[in-house]
């Protein structure tokens, strides 16, 4: 089973740039030594509503504080997070 961890909003000029910026944050995964990194361009998500206080990006939902941050640079905003394998 996988679950999302360490979600961040990254402002970047493309997916590769978003991944590099996320990795430079030096965030360590909680349980998985080799987690998958999910990168979602905000404006390309199905059902994204810039006016809504809540949105879903892949496995992650964001609330009003995060949406406020996203709106500061909508065209460059990416939601980036680890998908970590967890043993139950």
C-alpha atoms as a PDB file:
ATOM      1  CA  UNK A   1       0.000   0.000   0.000  1.00  0.00           C
ATOM      2  CA  UNK A   2       1.208   3.526  -0.769  1.00  0.00           C
ATOM      3  CA  UNK A   3       0.292   6.838   0.770  1.00  0.00           C
ATOM      4  CA  UNK A   4       1.317  10.456   0.089  1.00  0.00           C
ATOM      5  CA  UNK A   5       3.769  12.254   2.358  1.00  0.00           C
ATOM      6  CA  UNK A   6       5.617  15.555   2.461  1.00  0.00           C
ATOM      7  CA  UNK A   7       3.411  17.510   0.089  1.00  0.00           C
ATOM      8  CA  UNK A   8       4.791  20.851  -1.053  1.00  0.00           C
ATOM      9  CA  UNK A   9       3.764  23.535  -3.515  1.00  0.00           C
ATOM     10  CA  UNK A  10       6.680  24.190  -5.845  1.00  0.00           C
ATOM     11  CA  UNK A  11       6.816  27.025  -8.356  1.00  0.00           C
ATOM     12  CA  UNK A  12       8.746  25.893 -11.412  1.00  0.00           C
ATOM     13  CA  UNK A  13       9.123  26.181 -15.164  1.00  0.00           C
ATOM     14  CA  UNK A  14       8.321  22.535 -15.912  1.00  0.00           C
ATOM     15  CA  UNK A  15       8.031  19.086 -14.403  1.00  0.00           C
ATOM     16  CA  UNK A  16      11.775  18.471 -14.401  1.00  0.00           C
ATOM     17  CA  UNK A  17      12.387  21.822 -12.708  1.00  0.00           C
ATOM     18  CA  UNK A  18       9.656  21.086 -10.139  1.00  0.00           C
ATOM     19  CA  UNK A  19      11.272  17.754  -9.260  1.00  0.00           C
ATOM     20  CA  UNK A  20      14.714  19.336  -8.918  1.00  0.00           C
ATOM     21  CA  UNK A  21      13.351  22.105  -6.680  1.00  0.00           C
ATOM     22  CA  UNK A  22      11.526  19.556  -4.506  1.00  0.00           C
ATOM     23  CA  UNK A  23      14.629  17.384  -4.132  1.00  0.00           C
ATOM     24  CA  UNK A  24      16.686  20.452  -3.164  1.00  0.00           C
ATOM     25  CA  UNK A  25      14.420  20.832  -0.136  1.00  0.00           C
ATOM     26  CA  UNK A  26      16.190  17.717   1.247  1.00  0.00           C
ATOM     27  CA  UNK A  27      12.981  16.220   2.598  1.00  0.00           C
ATOM     28  CA  UNK A  28      13.545  12.700   3.852  1.00  0.00           C
ATOM     29  CA  UNK A  29      10.831  10.084   3.324  1.00  0.00           C
ATOM     30  CA  UNK A  30       9.203   8.668   6.442  1.00  0.00           C
ATOM     31  CA  UNK A  31       9.273   4.929   5.679  1.00  0.00           C
ATOM     32  CA  UNK A  32      10.303   4.200   2.101  1.00  0.00           C
ATOM     33  CA  UNK A  33      13.958   4.472   1.088  1.00  0.00           C
ATOM     34  CA  UNK A  34      12.996   4.856  -2.574  1.00  0.00           C
ATOM     35  CA  UNK A  35       9.600   6.571  -2.787  1.00  0.00           C
ATOM     36  CA  UNK A  36       7.909   7.545  -6.013  1.00  0.00           C
ATOM     37  CA  UNK A  37       7.651  11.310  -6.522  1.00  0.00           C
ATOM     38  CA  UNK A  38       4.317  12.587  -7.827  1.00  0.00           C
ATOM     39  CA  UNK A  39       4.285  15.924  -9.618  1.00  0.00           C
ATOM     40  CA  UNK A  40       0.980  17.557 -10.540  1.00  0.00           C
ATOM     41  CA  UNK A  41       0.781  20.788 -12.529  1.00  0.00           C
ATOM     42  CA  UNK A  42      -2.067  22.593 -10.855  1.00  0.00           C
ATOM     43  CA  UNK A  43      -3.683  24.022 -13.986  1.00  0.00           C
ATOM     44  CA  UNK A  44      -3.664  20.635 -15.772  1.00  0.00           C
ATOM     45  CA  UNK A  45      -5.606  18.695 -13.120  1.00  0.00           C
ATOM     46  CA  UNK A  46      -9.093  17.519 -14.065  1.00  0.00           C
ATOM     47  CA  UNK A  47     -11.694  19.298 -12.015  1.00  0.00           C
ATOM     48  CA  UNK A  48      -9.332  22.008 -10.775  1.00  0.00           C
ATOM     49  CA  UNK A  49     -11.283  25.105  -9.737  1.00  0.00           C
ATOM     50  CA  UNK A  50      -9.143  28.161  -9.015  1.00  0.00           C
ATOM     51  CA  UNK A  51     -12.013  29.763  -7.082  1.00  0.00           C
ATOM     52  CA  UNK A  52     -12.659  26.760  -4.841  1.00  0.00           C
ATOM     53  CA  UNK A  53     -11.165  26.753  -1.340  1.00  0.00           C
ATOM     54  CA  UNK A  54     -10.443  23.010  -1.735  1.00  0.00           C
ATOM     55  CA  UNK A  55      -9.012  20.974  -4.630  1.00  0.00           C
ATOM     56  CA  UNK A  56      -7.773  17.437  -5.206  1.00  0.00           C
ATOM     57  CA  UNK A  57      -4.422  16.796  -6.889  1.00  0.00           C
ATOM     58  CA  UNK A  58      -3.792  13.100  -7.387  1.00  0.00           C
ATOM     59  CA  UNK A  59      -3.842  11.604  -3.890  1.00  0.00           C
ATOM     60  CA  UNK A  60      -3.677  14.944  -2.078  1.00  0.00           C
ATOM     61  CA  UNK A  61      -6.411  17.392  -1.184  1.00  0.00           C
ATOM     62  CA  UNK A  62      -5.513  20.978  -0.378  1.00  0.00           C
ATOM     63  CA  UNK A  63      -7.379  23.563   1.633  1.00  0.00           C
ATOM     64  CA  UNK A  64      -7.762  27.340   1.716  1.00  0.00           C
ATOM     65  CA  UNK A  65      -4.234  28.193   2.945  1.00  0.00           C
ATOM     66  CA  UNK A  66      -2.612  26.119   0.210  1.00  0.00           C
ATOM     67  CA  UNK A  67      -5.000  27.428  -2.450  1.00  0.00           C
ATOM     68  CA  UNK A  68      -4.036  30.958  -1.451  1.00  0.00           C
ATOM     69  CA  UNK A  69      -0.380  30.043  -1.974  1.00  0.00           C
ATOM     70  CA  UNK A  70      -1.136  28.404  -5.340  1.00  0.00           C
ATOM     71  CA  UNK A  71      -2.947  31.518  -6.580  1.00  0.00           C
ATOM     72  CA  UNK A  72       0.202  33.632  -6.105  1.00  0.00           C
ATOM     73  CA  UNK A  73       1.720  32.093  -9.266  1.00  0.00           C
ATOM     74  CA  UNK A  74      -0.935  29.851 -10.766  1.00  0.00           C
ATOM     75  CA  UNK A  75       0.857  29.153 -14.061  1.00  0.00           C
ATOM     76  CA  UNK A  76       4.010  27.878 -12.334  1.00  0.00           C
ATOM     77  CA  UNK A  77       2.411  26.001  -9.423  1.00  0.00           C
ATOM     78  CA  UNK A  78       3.017  22.268  -8.988  1.00  0.00           C
ATOM     79  CA  UNK A  79       1.873  19.993  -6.183  1.00  0.00           C
ATOM     80  CA  UNK A  80       4.738  17.613  -5.409  1.00  0.00           C
ATOM     81  CA  UNK A  81       4.779  14.763  -2.907  1.00  0.00           C
ATOM     82  CA  UNK A  82       6.236  11.360  -2.145  1.00  0.00           C
ATOM     83  CA  UNK A  83       4.183   8.196  -2.584  1.00  0.00           C
ATOM     84  CA  UNK A  84       5.668   5.925   0.046  1.00  0.00           C
ATOM     85  CA  UNK A  85       5.180   2.196   0.365  1.00  0.00           C
ATOM     86  CA  UNK A  86       3.944   1.264   3.799  1.00  0.00           C
ATOM     87  CA  UNK A  87       3.692  -2.209   5.273  1.00  0.00           C
ATOM     88  CA  UNK A  88       0.515  -2.719   7.270  1.00  0.00           C
END
